Amino acid sequence: MYMNMTQGKIPEARHLPLGERLQRLNELDRAKEYIIVCRSGNRSSLACEWLSERGFQVTG
């Protein structure tokens, strides 16, 4: 998938800020696998750990 580096967004990706994960957890489906991405890898690592602990299939 092509990523526009000037905008820092992956086309058609869902943007879920780490700080909103509790309020928006119901938007995610435990039956699906998610690829978590952030610019440096720090937030995506935290998100992967947090989601994995709650039964989600994630890759960061």
N, C-alpha and C. Protein backbone atom coordinates (compact mmCIF):
# COMPACT_ATOMS: atom_id res chain seq x y z
N MET A 1 0.84 -1.18 0.00
CA MET A 1 0.00 0.00 0.00
C MET A 1 0.89 1.24 0.00
N TYR A 2 0.55 2.20 -0.79
CA TYR A 2 1.29 3.45 -0.89
C TYR A 2 0.97 4.36 0.29
N MET A 3 2.00 4.94 0.88
CA MET A 3 1.79 5.87 1.99
C MET A 3 2.28 7.25 1.58
N ASN A 4 1.44 8.23 1.72
CA ASN A 4 1.81 9.60 1.43
C ASN A 4 2.59 10.16 2.61
N MET A 5 3.89 10.22 2.49
CA MET A 5 4.75 10.63 3.61
C MET A 5 4.56 12.10 4.00
N THR A 6 4.11 12.93 3.08
CA THR A 6 3.92 14.34 3.43
C THR A 6 2.73 14.52 4.36
N GLN A 7 1.74 13.67 4.24
CA GLN A 7 0.56 13.76 5.11
C GLN A 7 0.68 12.82 6.31
N GLY A 8 1.51 11.80 6.20
CA GLY A 8 1.67 10.86 7.28
C GLY A 8 0.47 9.98 7.50
N LYS A 9 -0.30 9.72 6.45
CA LYS A 9 -1.51 8.90 6.59
C LYS A 9 -1.51 7.79 5.56
N ILE A 10 -2.03 6.65 5.94
CA ILE A 10 -2.21 5.54 5.02
C ILE A 10 -3.63 5.65 4.47
N PRO A 11 -3.77 5.66 3.14
CA PRO A 11 -5.11 5.79 2.57
C PRO A 11 -6.06 4.72 3.11
N GLU A 12 -7.27 5.14 3.43
CA GLU A 12 -8.34 4.28 3.94
C GLU A 12 -8.06 3.66 5.31
N ALA A 13 -7.04 4.14 6.01
CA ALA A 13 -6.76 3.65 7.36
C ALA A 13 -7.67 4.34 8.36
N ARG A 14 -7.98 3.66 9.43
CA ARG A 14 -8.78 4.25 10.50
C ARG A 14 -7.82 4.91 11.48
N HIS A 15 -8.06 6.15 11.80
CA HIS A 15 -7.22 6.89 12.73
C HIS A 15 -7.84 6.79 14.13
N LEU A 16 -7.12 6.16 15.04
CA LEU A 16 -7.61 5.99 16.40
C LEU A 16 -6.50 6.43 17.36
N PRO A 17 -6.54 7.68 17.79
CA PRO A 17 -5.51 8.18 18.70
C PRO A 17 -5.42 7.35 19.98
N LEU A 18 -4.21 7.14 20.45
CA LEU A 18 -3.98 6.33 21.64
C LEU A 18 -4.80 6.83 22.83
N GLY A 19 -4.93 8.13 22.95
CA GLY A 19 -5.69 8.70 24.06
C GLY A 19 -7.19 8.47 24.00
N GLU A 20 -7.69 8.03 22.85
CA GLU A 20 -9.13 7.79 22.68
C GLU A 20 -9.48 6.30 22.70
N ARG A 21 -8.52 5.44 22.98
CA ARG A 21 -8.75 4.00 22.85
C ARG A 21 -9.86 3.48 23.76
N LEU A 22 -10.00 4.00 24.94
CA LEU A 22 -11.06 3.52 25.84
C LEU A 22 -12.45 3.89 25.33
N GLN A 23 -12.60 5.14 24.88
CA GLN A 23 -13.90 5.61 24.41
C GLN A 23 -14.30 4.97 23.08
N ARG A 24 -13.32 4.53 22.28
CA ARG A 24 -13.63 4.05 20.93
C ARG A 24 -13.38 2.56 20.75
N LEU A 25 -13.15 1.83 21.83
CA LEU A 25 -12.87 0.40 21.75
C LEU A 25 -14.00 -0.36 21.06
N ASN A 26 -15.23 0.11 21.22
CA ASN A 26 -16.38 -0.56 20.61
C ASN A 26 -16.38 -0.47 19.08
N GLU A 27 -15.51 0.36 18.50
CA GLU A 27 -15.41 0.46 17.04
C GLU A 27 -14.61 -0.69 16.43
N LEU A 28 -13.90 -1.43 17.28
CA LEU A 28 -13.04 -2.51 16.79
C LEU A 28 -13.71 -3.87 16.97
N ASP A 29 -13.40 -4.76 16.06
CA ASP A 29 -13.98 -6.10 16.03
C ASP A 29 -12.91 -7.12 16.43
N ARG A 30 -13.12 -7.86 17.51
CA ARG A 30 -12.13 -8.84 17.96
C ARG A 30 -11.91 -9.97 16.97
N ALA A 31 -12.82 -10.14 16.02
CA ALA A 31 -12.68 -11.20 15.01
C ALA A 31 -11.74 -10.79 13.87
N LYS A 32 -11.36 -9.52 13.82
CA LYS A 32 -10.47 -9.03 12.76
C LYS A 32 -9.06 -8.85 13.29
N GLU A 33 -8.11 -8.86 12.37
CA GLU A 33 -6.72 -8.57 12.72
C GLU A 33 -6.42 -7.13 12.33
N TYR A 34 -5.68 -6.43 13.18
CA TYR A 34 -5.36 -5.02 12.94
C TYR A 34 -3.86 -4.83 12.85
N ILE A 35 -3.46 -3.94 11.96
CA ILE A 35 -2.07 -3.52 11.84
C ILE A 35 -1.99 -2.11 12.41
N ILE A 36 -1.17 -1.95 13.43
CA ILE A 36 -1.09 -0.68 14.15
C ILE A 36 0.19 0.04 13.72
N VAL A 37 0.05 1.30 13.30
CA VAL A 37 1.18 2.05 12.77
C VAL A 37 1.21 3.44 13.38
N CYS A 38 2.41 3.88 13.73
CA CYS A 38 2.63 5.29 14.08
C CYS A 38 3.99 5.68 13.50
N ARG A 39 4.30 6.93 13.52
CA ARG A 39 5.53 7.41 12.89
C ARG A 39 6.79 6.80 13.50
N SER A 40 6.92 6.83 14.81
CA SER A 40 8.15 6.36 15.45
C SER A 40 8.09 4.91 15.92
N GLY A 41 6.87 4.39 16.09
CA GLY A 41 6.72 3.03 16.59
C GLY A 41 6.43 2.95 18.08
N ASN A 42 6.60 4.04 18.79
CA ASN A 42 6.38 4.03 20.24
C ASN A 42 4.90 3.88 20.60
N ARG A 43 4.07 4.73 20.02
CA ARG A 43 2.63 4.66 20.33
C ARG A 43 2.02 3.38 19.78
N SER A 44 2.45 2.94 18.61
CA SER A 44 1.89 1.72 18.05
C SER A 44 2.26 0.51 18.91
N SER A 45 3.45 0.51 19.48
CA SER A 45 3.85 -0.57 20.38
C SER A 45 2.97 -0.60 21.62
N LEU A 46 2.71 0.56 22.20
CA LEU A 46 1.83 0.65 23.37
C LEU A 46 0.40 0.21 23.02
N ALA A 47 -0.08 0.65 21.86
CA ALA A 47 -1.43 0.28 21.44
C ALA A 47 -1.53 -1.22 21.20
N CYS A 48 -0.52 -1.81 20.56
CA CYS A 48 -0.52 -3.26 20.32
C CYS A 48 -0.57 -4.03 21.63
N GLU A 49 0.24 -3.63 22.58
CA GLU A 49 0.25 -4.30 23.88
C GLU A 49 -1.11 -4.19 24.56
N TRP A 50 -1.66 -3.00 24.58
CA TRP A 50 -2.93 -2.74 25.25
C TRP A 50 -4.06 -3.54 24.59
N LEU A 51 -4.12 -3.51 23.25
CA LEU A 51 -5.18 -4.23 22.54
C LEU A 51 -5.01 -5.74 22.66
N SER A 52 -3.79 -6.21 22.57
CA SER A 52 -3.51 -7.64 22.71
C SER A 52 -3.98 -8.17 24.06
N GLU A 53 -3.73 -7.40 25.11
CA GLU A 53 -4.16 -7.78 26.46
C GLU A 53 -5.68 -7.88 26.58
N ARG A 54 -6.39 -7.25 25.66
CA ARG A 54 -7.86 -7.26 25.66
C ARG A 54 -8.45 -8.18 24.60
N GLY A 55 -7.61 -9.06 24.06
CA GLY A 55 -8.11 -10.10 23.17
C GLY A 55 -8.13 -9.77 21.69
N PHE A 56 -7.50 -8.66 21.28
CA PHE A 56 -7.47 -8.30 19.88
C PHE A 56 -6.23 -8.89 19.22
N GLN A 57 -6.36 -9.22 17.93
CA GLN A 57 -5.25 -9.70 17.12
C GLN A 57 -4.60 -8.49 16.47
N VAL A 58 -3.37 -8.17 16.88
CA VAL A 58 -2.71 -6.97 16.39
C VAL A 58 -1.28 -7.25 15.98
N THR A 59 -0.81 -6.47 15.02
CA THR A 59 0.58 -6.48 14.58
C THR A 59 1.03 -5.04 14.52
N GLY A 60 2.23 -4.78 15.00
CA GLY A 60 2.72 -3.40 14.99
C GLY A 60 3.99 -3.26 14.22
